[in-house]
Amino acid sequence: MAKVYWPYFDPEYENLSTRINPPSVSIDNTSCKECTLVKVDSMNKPGILLEVVQVLTDLDLTITKAYISSDGGWFMDVFHVTDQQGNKVTDSKTIDYIEKVLGPKGYASASQNTWPGKRVGVHSLGDHTSIEIIARDRPGLLSEVSAVLADLHFNVVAAEAWTHNRRIACVLYVNDNETSRAVDDPERLSTMEEQLNLVLRGCEQEDEKFARTCLSIGSTHVDRRLHQMLFADRDYEAVTKVDGSVPKITIENCEEKGYSVVNVSCEDRAKLMFDIVCTLTDMQYIVFHATITSSGPHASQEYFIRHKDGCTLDSEGEKERVIKCLEAAIHRRVSEGWSLELCAKDRVGLLSEVTRILREHGLSVTRAGVTTVGEQAVNVFYVRDASGNPVDVKTIEALRGEIGHSMMINVKNKVPSKRWKEEGQAGTGRGWAKTSFFFGNLLEKLLP
């Protein structure tokens, strides 16, 4: 038999262009009086815009303006950013981190991991087992799930849960109570999965979507993973009452340039750009140009996109689907009403105890974030009553009295906004409250 010779390809050839033209990152605090300019120039590649936006939002930076251009082989972006107090970014550790991750030194790790710490909330938590849950939402469900894990001696080191259109998506990171290591016993994991599925099936109805629990594989960014789970669950198809103002989204075709132009006008909030770019990316659309602006409480975002096969959005059905998916992505993270920030010494069953108390006071968790740093656990819950209405002040005070003696508690109330058009005529200032879990404000970031 004749030998067959195949051409040799150097495995580093794929990164050759990047090594020849390494990415450039500059942090400019002199050109603008009100914000810091982050300029990123690099070779273009699929998903690069999402990677950059992800790094900035994971650092709890607010993007007030952005100009994106990635047509052809080069990617050129300018972001106007501030910290959560609306000030310029002057912290040397934060600046060094941005330059390290987005610059030449961070290219290899960033292209593979895109800030590994965000795989588990905001902090890297070592060995853990990842659990994904998708189900019909109901009051007390998070309490029942955490109780099952506590009974089986799983410690929840981090978790994040979103609810939207009567569905809940949750990612939990657990380890063994005694060893603080990932659980790899197949029998123990099977028992845990079986018991969790029994809890989830109890809240499903006939002709309802199936609930499921699974052990996740891989290292997808947790916020992106929650978007993917709810998108796969088709939460965007349901029509329900939403909090806050309704975003205005239009899609038109620019035949001259061969783009579809997506315009989004809505109330501004933290991580808005990330949620939109994440959704477009996971729907296999490429952003070639974009302009992001915010004025007071309002945001205006324009994206010039094509499908990755090079086609524009030609059918009305495709346009309608993209609009529904973007509306869902915007609303998943919106939380009106009371938020509870709790800080206590970590222990097995802490999450179960806290969520049980919330359930006993008739509260339903609409969003939750849990993280652990050292011996400290930080939990953030957005709550409503069992009917989905705002919580009475007396209930909040009773809850504060019961929990406050054993852990630090900070209660906030985000008052529902008026229609953003009305606010734009009379309002001043940014006009939006924090609607994300800024653990870095309670515990220093994992910046070295």
Protein backbone atom coordinates (compact mmCIF):
# COMPACT_ATOMS: atom_id res chain seq x y z
CA MET A 1 0.00 0.00 0.00
CA ALA A 2 1.35 3.37 -0.99
CA LYS A 3 2.08 5.84 1.80
CA VAL A 4 -0.08 8.91 1.95
CA TYR A 5 1.63 12.15 2.94
CA TRP A 6 -0.38 15.01 4.42
CA PRO A 7 0.81 18.59 4.53
CA TYR A 8 2.05 19.79 7.93
CA PHE A 9 0.30 22.72 9.58
CA ASP A 10 1.99 24.46 12.48
CA PRO A 11 -0.56 24.55 15.36
CA GLU A 12 0.57 28.11 16.09
CA TYR A 13 -0.23 29.26 12.54
CA GLU A 14 -3.78 30.22 13.52
CA ASN A 15 -2.41 32.80 15.97
CA LEU A 16 0.33 34.06 13.64
CA SER A 17 -1.54 37.18 12.55
CA THR A 18 -2.21 38.10 16.16
CA ARG A 19 1.45 37.67 17.10
CA ILE A 20 2.45 39.88 14.18
CA ASN A 21 -0.22 42.47 15.01
CA PRO A 22 -0.84 42.13 18.78
CA PRO A 23 -3.87 43.86 20.32
CA SER A 24 -3.42 47.35 21.67
CA VAL A 25 -5.25 48.73 24.70
CA SER A 26 -5.04 52.29 25.99
CA ILE A 27 -6.70 53.84 29.04
CA ASP A 28 -7.27 57.58 28.56
CA ASN A 29 -8.22 59.75 31.55
CA THR A 30 -7.37 63.11 29.97
CA SER A 31 -9.53 63.44 26.83
CA CYS A 32 -12.89 63.53 28.64
CA LYS A 33 -13.76 65.30 31.89
CA GLU A 34 -16.55 62.93 32.91
CA CYS A 35 -15.34 59.43 32.02
CA THR A 36 -12.43 57.18 31.15
CA LEU A 37 -11.85 56.17 27.53
CA VAL A 38 -10.88 52.56 26.90
CA LYS A 39 -9.57 52.08 23.36
CA VAL A 40 -9.09 48.59 21.96
CA ASP A 41 -7.45 47.83 18.61
CA SER A 42 -6.81 44.26 17.52
CA MET A 43 -7.20 41.68 14.79
CA ASN A 44 -10.87 40.88 14.26
CA LYS A 45 -12.19 37.46 15.31
CA PRO A 46 -15.61 35.96 16.08
CA GLY A 47 -16.96 36.99 19.47
CA ILE A 48 -14.30 39.59 20.23
CA LEU A 49 -16.82 42.36 20.96
CA LEU A 50 -18.56 40.20 23.57
CA GLU A 51 -15.21 39.36 25.18
CA VAL A 52 -14.28 43.03 25.58
CA VAL A 53 -17.70 44.09 26.88
CA GLN A 54 -17.69 41.12 29.26
CA VAL A 55 -14.38 42.15 30.83
CA LEU A 56 -15.55 45.74 31.37
CA THR A 57 -18.93 44.80 32.85
CA ASP A 58 -17.42 42.10 35.08
CA LEU A 59 -15.36 44.88 36.65
CA ASP A 60 -18.64 46.68 37.45
CA LEU A 61 -17.82 49.50 35.01
CA THR A 62 -20.67 51.43 33.43
CA ILE A 63 -20.46 51.92 29.66
CA THR A 64 -22.00 55.32 28.94
CA LYS A 65 -20.94 55.51 25.29
CA ALA A 66 -19.27 53.20 22.82
CA TYR A 67 -18.23 53.31 19.17
CA ILE A 68 -17.63 49.94 17.51
CA SER A 69 -16.08 49.23 14.12
CA SER A 70 -14.98 45.74 13.08
CA ASP A 71 -15.60 45.62 9.35
CA GLY A 72 -12.78 43.83 7.56
CA GLY A 73 -9.87 42.30 9.41
CA TRP A 74 -9.42 44.87 12.16
CA PHE A 75 -11.38 45.55 15.34
CA MET A 76 -11.44 49.16 16.67
CA ASP A 77 -13.53 50.11 19.70
CA VAL A 78 -13.78 53.10 22.00
CA PHE A 79 -15.67 52.76 25.30
CA HIS A 80 -16.57 55.62 27.63
CA VAL A 81 -16.71 54.09 31.11
CA THR A 82 -17.17 55.12 34.74
CA ASP A 83 -17.22 53.28 38.02
CA GLN A 84 -20.48 52.65 39.90
CA GLN A 85 -20.29 56.08 41.54
CA GLY A 86 -20.10 57.78 38.14
CA ASN A 87 -16.40 58.67 38.51
CA LYS A 88 -13.44 58.04 36.23
CA VAL A 89 -11.58 54.77 36.57
CA THR A 90 -8.42 55.70 38.45
CA ASP A 91 -7.73 52.56 40.47
CA SER A 92 -4.34 51.27 39.30
CA LYS A 93 -5.24 47.61 39.85
CA THR A 94 -8.34 47.91 37.67
CA ILE A 95 -6.42 49.72 34.90
CA ASP A 96 -3.59 47.17 35.01
CA TYR A 97 -6.09 44.34 34.85
CA ILE A 98 -7.84 45.76 31.75
CA GLU A 99 -4.51 46.24 30.00
CA LYS A 100 -3.35 42.76 30.98
CA VAL A 101 -6.50 40.88 29.91
CA LEU A 102 -7.27 42.78 26.71
CA GLY A 103 -3.68 43.51 25.72
CA PRO A 104 -1.00 41.28 24.15
CA LYS A 105 -0.13 39.44 27.39
CA GLY A 106 -3.70 38.43 28.05
CA TYR A 107 -4.64 37.41 24.52
CA ALA A 108 -3.95 33.69 24.89
CA SER A 109 -5.78 33.28 28.17
CA ALA A 110 -8.52 35.76 27.30
CA SER A 111 -9.32 34.01 24.02
CA GLN A 112 -9.80 30.76 25.88
CA ASN A 113 -11.25 31.80 29.23
CA THR A 114 -12.40 35.41 29.10
CA TRP A 115 -11.82 36.08 32.76
CA PRO A 116 -12.02 32.67 34.40
CA GLY A 117 -13.10 34.11 37.74
CA LYS A 118 -16.48 35.04 36.34
CA ARG A 119 -17.21 31.38 35.70
CA VAL A 120 -18.22 31.27 39.35
CA GLY A 121 -19.92 34.53 40.21
CA VAL A 122 -17.21 37.17 40.50
CA HIS A 123 -14.56 35.17 42.34
CA SER A 124 -12.58 32.07 41.50
CA LEU A 125 -13.65 29.44 43.98
CA GLY A 126 -11.41 26.49 43.22
CA ASP A 127 -12.81 22.98 42.91
CA HIS A 128 -16.55 22.82 42.50
CA THR A 129 -19.34 20.91 40.80
CA SER A 130 -21.62 22.97 38.55
CA ILE A 131 -25.37 22.36 38.57
CA GLU A 132 -27.82 23.87 36.08
CA ILE A 133 -31.55 24.06 36.77
CA ILE A 134 -34.36 25.19 34.47
CA ALA A 135 -37.99 24.93 35.55
CA ARG A 136 -41.31 26.66 36.05
CA ASP A 137 -40.89 29.29 38.77
CA ARG A 138 -42.99 29.28 41.92
CA PRO A 139 -42.66 30.73 45.45
CA GLY A 140 -40.27 28.76 47.65
CA LEU A 141 -38.59 26.81 44.83
CA LEU A 142 -35.10 28.14 45.57
CA SER A 143 -35.63 27.26 49.24
CA GLU A 144 -36.54 23.66 48.38
CA VAL A 145 -33.56 23.28 46.04
CA SER A 146 -31.09 24.62 48.61
CA ALA A 147 -32.64 22.39 51.32
CA VAL A 148 -32.01 19.28 49.19
CA LEU A 149 -28.38 20.26 48.70
CA ALA A 150 -27.91 20.96 52.41
CA ASP A 151 -29.44 17.59 53.39
CA LEU A 152 -27.01 15.83 51.04
CA HIS A 153 -24.06 17.75 52.55
CA PHE A 154 -23.37 19.86 49.48
CA ASN A 155 -22.09 23.35 50.25
CA VAL A 156 -23.23 26.10 47.86
CA VAL A 157 -20.18 28.28 47.28
CA ALA A 158 -21.75 30.39 44.53
CA ALA A 159 -25.01 30.61 42.63
CA GLU A 160 -27.00 32.90 40.40
CA ALA A 161 -30.68 32.62 39.53
CA TRP A 162 -32.86 34.59 37.12
CA THR A 163 -36.61 34.41 36.64
CA HIS A 164 -38.48 35.54 33.55
CA ASN A 165 -41.92 34.79 32.14
CA ARG A 166 -42.69 32.26 34.90
CA ARG A 167 -39.46 30.34 34.24
CA ILE A 168 -36.37 30.11 36.43
CA ALA A 169 -32.79 29.43 35.34
CA CYS A 170 -30.22 28.78 38.02
CA VAL A 171 -26.54 27.88 38.04
CA LEU A 172 -25.14 26.60 41.33
CA TYR A 173 -21.54 25.79 42.21
CA VAL A 174 -21.21 23.30 45.04
CA ASN A 175 -18.52 21.30 46.78
CA ASP A 176 -18.30 18.63 49.44
CA ASN A 177 -19.03 19.76 52.98
CA GLU A 178 -16.05 17.99 54.52
CA THR A 179 -13.35 18.20 51.84
CA SER A 180 -14.32 21.50 50.14
CA ARG A 181 -13.53 19.72 46.88
CA ALA A 182 -15.60 18.97 43.80
CA VAL A 183 -17.90 15.97 44.21
CA ASP A 184 -17.03 13.18 41.77
CA ASP A 185 -18.86 10.23 43.35
CA PRO A 186 -21.29 9.09 40.58
CA GLU A 187 -23.73 7.56 43.06
CA ARG A 188 -23.87 10.69 45.19
CA LEU A 189 -24.30 12.93 42.17
CA SER A 190 -27.04 10.68 40.81
CA THR A 191 -28.92 10.86 44.13
CA MET A 192 -28.63 14.63 44.15
CA GLU A 193 -29.85 14.92 40.57
CA GLU A 194 -32.77 12.59 41.23
CA GLN A 195 -33.94 14.47 44.32
CA LEU A 196 -33.65 17.85 42.62
CA ASN A 197 -35.67 16.60 39.66
CA LEU A 198 -38.41 15.42 42.04
CA VAL A 199 -38.60 18.95 43.48
CA LEU A 200 -38.72 20.51 40.02
CA ARG A 201 -41.36 18.15 38.65
CA GLY A 202 -43.65 19.19 41.48
CA CYS A 203 -44.02 22.63 39.96
CA GLU A 204 -44.70 21.54 36.38
CA GLN A 205 -48.16 21.37 34.85
CA GLU A 206 -49.59 19.43 31.96
CA ASP A 207 -48.61 20.77 28.56
CA GLU A 208 -45.84 22.67 30.37
CA LYS A 209 -42.18 22.74 29.39
CA PHE A 210 -40.09 20.09 31.11
CA ALA A 211 -37.99 20.95 34.14
CA ARG A 212 -34.50 19.52 34.35
CA THR A 213 -31.36 19.37 36.41
CA CYS A 214 -27.99 18.66 34.86
CA LEU A 215 -24.31 18.73 35.76
CA SER A 216 -22.73 21.31 33.50
CA ILE A 217 -19.50 20.79 31.61
CA GLY A 218 -17.26 23.60 30.43
CA SER A 219 -16.53 27.10 31.63
CA THR A 220 -19.09 29.42 30.03
CA HIS A 221 -19.44 32.83 31.64
CA VAL A 222 -22.26 32.47 34.17
CA ASP A 223 -24.36 35.44 32.94
CA ARG A 224 -24.02 34.26 29.37
CA ARG A 225 -24.96 30.72 30.41
CA LEU A 226 -28.18 31.96 32.08
CA HIS A 227 -29.10 33.81 28.88
CA GLN A 228 -28.42 30.64 26.88
CA MET A 229 -30.53 28.48 29.20
CA LEU A 230 -33.56 30.78 29.06
CA PHE A 231 -33.15 31.27 25.31
CA ALA A 232 -33.09 27.48 24.78
CA ASP A 233 -36.17 27.28 27.01
CA ARG A 234 -37.89 29.80 24.68
CA ASP A 235 -38.83 32.16 27.49
CA TYR A 236 -39.12 34.90 24.87
CA GLU A 237 -42.29 33.31 23.43
CA ALA A 238 -44.47 33.96 26.51
CA VAL A 239 -46.34 37.25 26.83
CA THR A 240 -46.54 38.45 30.42
CA LYS A 241 -46.58 41.68 32.38
CA VAL A 242 -43.08 43.17 32.65
CA ASP A 243 -41.53 45.55 35.17
CA GLY A 244 -40.48 49.02 34.11
CA SER A 245 -40.81 50.54 30.66
CA VAL A 246 -41.12 48.49 27.50
CA PRO A 247 -38.06 48.76 25.23
CA LYS A 248 -38.59 50.00 21.70
CA ILE A 249 -36.72 47.80 19.22
CA THR A 250 -36.77 48.18 15.44
CA ILE A 251 -34.90 46.36 12.66
CA GLU A 252 -34.39 47.83 9.21
CA ASN A 253 -32.20 46.78 6.31
CA CYS A 254 -29.49 49.04 4.94
CA GLU A 255 -29.37 47.72 1.41
CA GLU A 256 -26.60 50.10 0.35
CA LYS A 257 -24.12 48.65 2.84
CA GLY A 258 -25.62 45.19 3.18
CA TYR A 259 -26.43 45.34 6.90
CA SER A 260 -29.48 44.90 9.08
CA VAL A 261 -29.71 47.81 11.51
CA VAL A 262 -31.01 47.04 15.01
CA ASN A 263 -32.10 50.06 17.05
CA VAL A 264 -32.81 49.69 20.77
CA SER A 265 -34.27 52.50 22.90
CA CYS A 266 -35.01 51.74 26.53
CA GLU A 267 -34.37 52.67 30.12
CA ASP A 268 -30.66 52.52 30.85
CA ARG A 269 -29.29 50.05 33.39
CA ALA A 270 -26.13 48.21 34.30
CA LYS A 271 -24.89 45.53 31.86
CA LEU A 272 -27.45 46.49 29.20
CA MET A 273 -24.88 46.39 26.40
CA PHE A 274 -23.56 43.01 27.55
CA ASP A 275 -27.04 41.47 27.52
CA ILE A 276 -27.77 42.72 23.99
CA VAL A 277 -24.38 41.78 22.50
CA CYS A 278 -24.50 38.39 24.25
CA THR A 279 -27.92 37.63 22.73
CA LEU A 280 -26.93 38.68 19.22
CA THR A 281 -23.73 36.63 19.44
CA ASP A 282 -25.50 33.48 20.66
CA MET A 283 -28.08 33.89 17.89
CA GLN A 284 -25.15 33.71 15.44
CA TYR A 285 -25.23 37.37 14.40
CA ILE A 286 -22.03 39.39 13.92
CA VAL A 287 -21.86 43.05 14.95
CA PHE A 288 -19.84 45.04 12.41
CA HIS A 289 -20.55 48.55 13.65
CA ALA A 290 -22.34 49.95 16.68
CA THR A 291 -23.03 53.21 18.45
CA ILE A 292 -24.01 53.23 22.13
CA THR A 293 -25.21 56.38 23.93
CA SER A 294 -27.00 57.14 27.17
CA SER A 295 -28.70 60.37 28.17
CA GLY A 296 -29.97 60.60 31.72
CA PRO A 297 -32.06 57.48 32.38
CA HIS A 298 -32.35 56.55 28.69
CA ALA A 299 -30.17 54.38 26.47
CA SER A 300 -29.99 54.32 22.69
CA GLN A 301 -28.06 51.52 20.98
CA GLU A 302 -27.64 50.93 17.25
CA TYR A 303 -26.08 47.77 15.81
CA PHE A 304 -25.18 46.99 12.19
CA ILE A 305 -25.33 43.22 11.92
CA ARG A 306 -25.34 40.25 9.57
CA HIS A 307 -25.88 36.58 10.23
CA LYS A 308 -22.60 34.69 10.34
CA ASP A 309 -23.45 33.24 6.90
CA GLY A 310 -23.30 36.81 5.56
CA CYS A 311 -27.07 37.28 5.13
CA THR A 312 -29.17 40.11 6.49
CA LEU A 313 -32.54 39.71 8.24
CA ASP A 314 -34.84 39.64 5.22
CA SER A 315 -38.02 37.98 6.49
CA GLU A 316 -40.46 39.60 8.90
CA GLY A 317 -40.54 36.38 10.91
CA GLU A 318 -36.80 36.50 11.51
CA LYS A 319 -36.95 40.16 12.50
CA GLU A 320 -39.81 39.51 14.91
CA ARG A 321 -37.90 36.64 16.53
CA VAL A 322 -34.79 38.79 17.07
CA ILE A 323 -36.90 41.58 18.57
CA LYS A 324 -38.59 39.17 21.00
CA CYS A 325 -35.24 37.67 22.02
CA LEU A 326 -33.71 41.10 22.66
CA GLU A 327 -36.74 42.18 24.69
CA ALA A 328 -36.39 39.03 26.80
CA ALA A 329 -32.65 39.60 27.28
CA ILE A 330 -33.30 43.15 28.48
CA HIS A 331 -36.06 42.15 30.91
CA ARG A 332 -34.31 39.12 32.45
CA ARG A 333 -32.02 41.33 34.48
CA VAL A 334 -34.52 44.09 35.32
CA SER A 335 -35.63 43.89 38.96
CA GLU A 336 -37.94 46.42 40.54
CA GLY A 337 -38.69 46.61 44.24
CA TRP A 338 -36.81 45.41 47.30
CA SER A 339 -33.34 43.89 47.29
CA LEU A 340 -31.70 42.26 50.30
CA GLU A 341 -27.92 42.14 50.58
CA LEU A 342 -26.75 39.68 53.24
CA CYS A 343 -23.24 39.02 54.50
CA ALA A 344 -22.42 36.28 56.99
CA LYS A 345 -19.84 33.63 57.85
CA ASP A 346 -20.19 30.83 55.33
CA ARG A 347 -21.49 27.47 56.45
CA VAL A 348 -23.35 24.52 55.01
CA GLY A 349 -27.08 25.21 54.92
CA LEU A 350 -26.78 29.02 55.04
CA LEU A 351 -28.55 29.48 51.70
CA SER A 352 -31.23 27.00 52.76
CA GLU A 353 -31.78 28.87 56.02
CA VAL A 354 -32.04 32.31 54.39
CA THR A 355 -34.38 31.20 51.60
CA ARG A 356 -36.55 29.34 54.13
CA ILE A 357 -36.99 32.56 56.12
CA LEU A 358 -37.89 34.44 52.93
CA ARG A 359 -40.49 31.77 52.09
CA GLU A 360 -41.97 31.86 55.60
CA HIS A 361 -42.50 35.62 55.20
CA GLY A 362 -44.41 35.00 51.97
CA LEU A 363 -41.64 36.32 49.71
CA SER A 364 -40.76 35.06 46.25
CA VAL A 365 -37.20 35.45 44.93
CA THR A 366 -37.11 36.99 41.44
CA ARG A 367 -33.33 37.12 41.17
CA ALA A 368 -30.53 35.88 43.38
CA GLY A 369 -26.76 36.01 43.51
CA VAL A 370 -24.53 34.10 45.91
CA THR A 371 -20.76 34.21 46.24
CA THR A 372 -18.17 33.14 48.79
CA VAL A 373 -14.79 34.72 49.54
CA GLY A 374 -12.74 33.04 52.19
CA GLU A 375 -15.07 32.45 55.13
CA GLN A 376 -17.58 35.11 54.10
CA ALA A 377 -20.75 34.48 52.11
CA VAL A 378 -22.45 37.37 50.30
CA ASN A 379 -26.04 36.86 49.13
CA VAL A 380 -28.23 39.27 47.17
CA PHE A 381 -31.95 38.62 46.69
CA TYR A 382 -34.58 40.58 44.79
CA VAL A 383 -37.96 39.76 46.26
CA ARG A 384 -41.70 40.18 45.67
CA ASP A 385 -44.71 38.74 47.42
CA ALA A 386 -46.13 35.35 46.43
CA SER A 387 -48.45 37.01 43.88
CA GLY A 388 -45.64 38.91 42.20
CA ASN A 389 -46.56 42.27 43.71
CA PRO A 390 -44.29 44.70 45.58
CA VAL A 391 -43.52 43.72 49.16
CA ASP A 392 -45.10 45.60 52.05
CA VAL A 393 -42.69 47.69 54.16
CA LYS A 394 -43.85 45.96 57.36
CA THR A 395 -42.82 42.59 55.92
CA ILE A 396 -39.37 43.92 55.09
CA GLU A 397 -38.95 45.32 58.61
CA ALA A 398 -40.05 42.01 60.16
CA LEU A 399 -37.56 40.20 57.95
CA ARG A 400 -34.79 42.60 58.92
CA GLY A 401 -35.57 41.98 62.58
CA GLU A 402 -35.36 38.19 62.21
CA ILE A 403 -32.23 38.02 60.07
CA GLY A 404 -30.35 41.06 61.33
CA HIS A 405 -29.21 39.52 64.61
CA SER A 406 -27.18 36.77 62.90
CA MET A 407 -25.83 38.46 59.75
CA MET A 408 -25.24 41.85 58.18
CA ILE A 409 -28.20 42.98 56.08
CA ASN A 410 -28.61 45.91 53.72
CA VAL A 411 -32.08 46.64 52.32
CA LYS A 412 -32.65 48.70 49.18
CA ASN A 413 -35.78 49.62 47.27
CA LYS A 414 -35.75 50.46 43.59
CA VAL A 415 -38.94 52.40 42.88
CA PRO A 416 -40.50 51.46 39.53
CA SER A 417 -39.70 54.06 36.91
CA LYS A 418 -42.28 55.99 34.96
CA ARG A 419 -42.39 55.63 31.25
CA TRP A 420 -38.92 56.62 30.12
CA LYS A 421 -40.28 59.21 27.69
CA GLU A 422 -41.96 61.02 30.56
CA GLU A 423 -38.81 60.84 32.65
CA GLY A 424 -36.75 62.25 29.83
CA GLN A 425 -38.66 65.52 29.91
CA ALA A 426 -38.36 66.20 33.61
CA GLY A 427 -35.68 63.91 35.02
CA THR A 428 -32.07 64.72 35.68
CA GLY A 429 -29.10 62.48 36.37
CA ARG A 430 -28.63 58.92 35.30
CA GLY A 431 -31.95 57.81 36.72
CA TRP A 432 -31.25 54.11 37.14
CA ALA A 433 -30.43 52.11 40.20
CA LYS A 434 -28.15 49.13 40.51
CA THR A 435 -29.84 46.03 39.17
CA SER A 436 -26.88 43.72 39.25
CA PHE A 437 -24.85 42.01 41.92
CA PHE A 438 -21.85 44.22 42.55
CA PHE A 439 -20.02 41.95 44.98
CA GLY A 440 -16.84 43.89 44.34
CA ASN A 441 -18.29 46.82 46.30
CA LEU A 442 -18.64 44.62 49.39
CA LEU A 443 -15.47 42.59 49.05
CA GLU A 444 -12.37 43.65 47.13
CA LYS A 445 -12.14 42.24 43.64
CA LEU A 446 -9.86 39.35 42.87
CA LEU A 447 -7.36 41.77 41.38
CA PRO A 448 -3.88 40.90 42.70
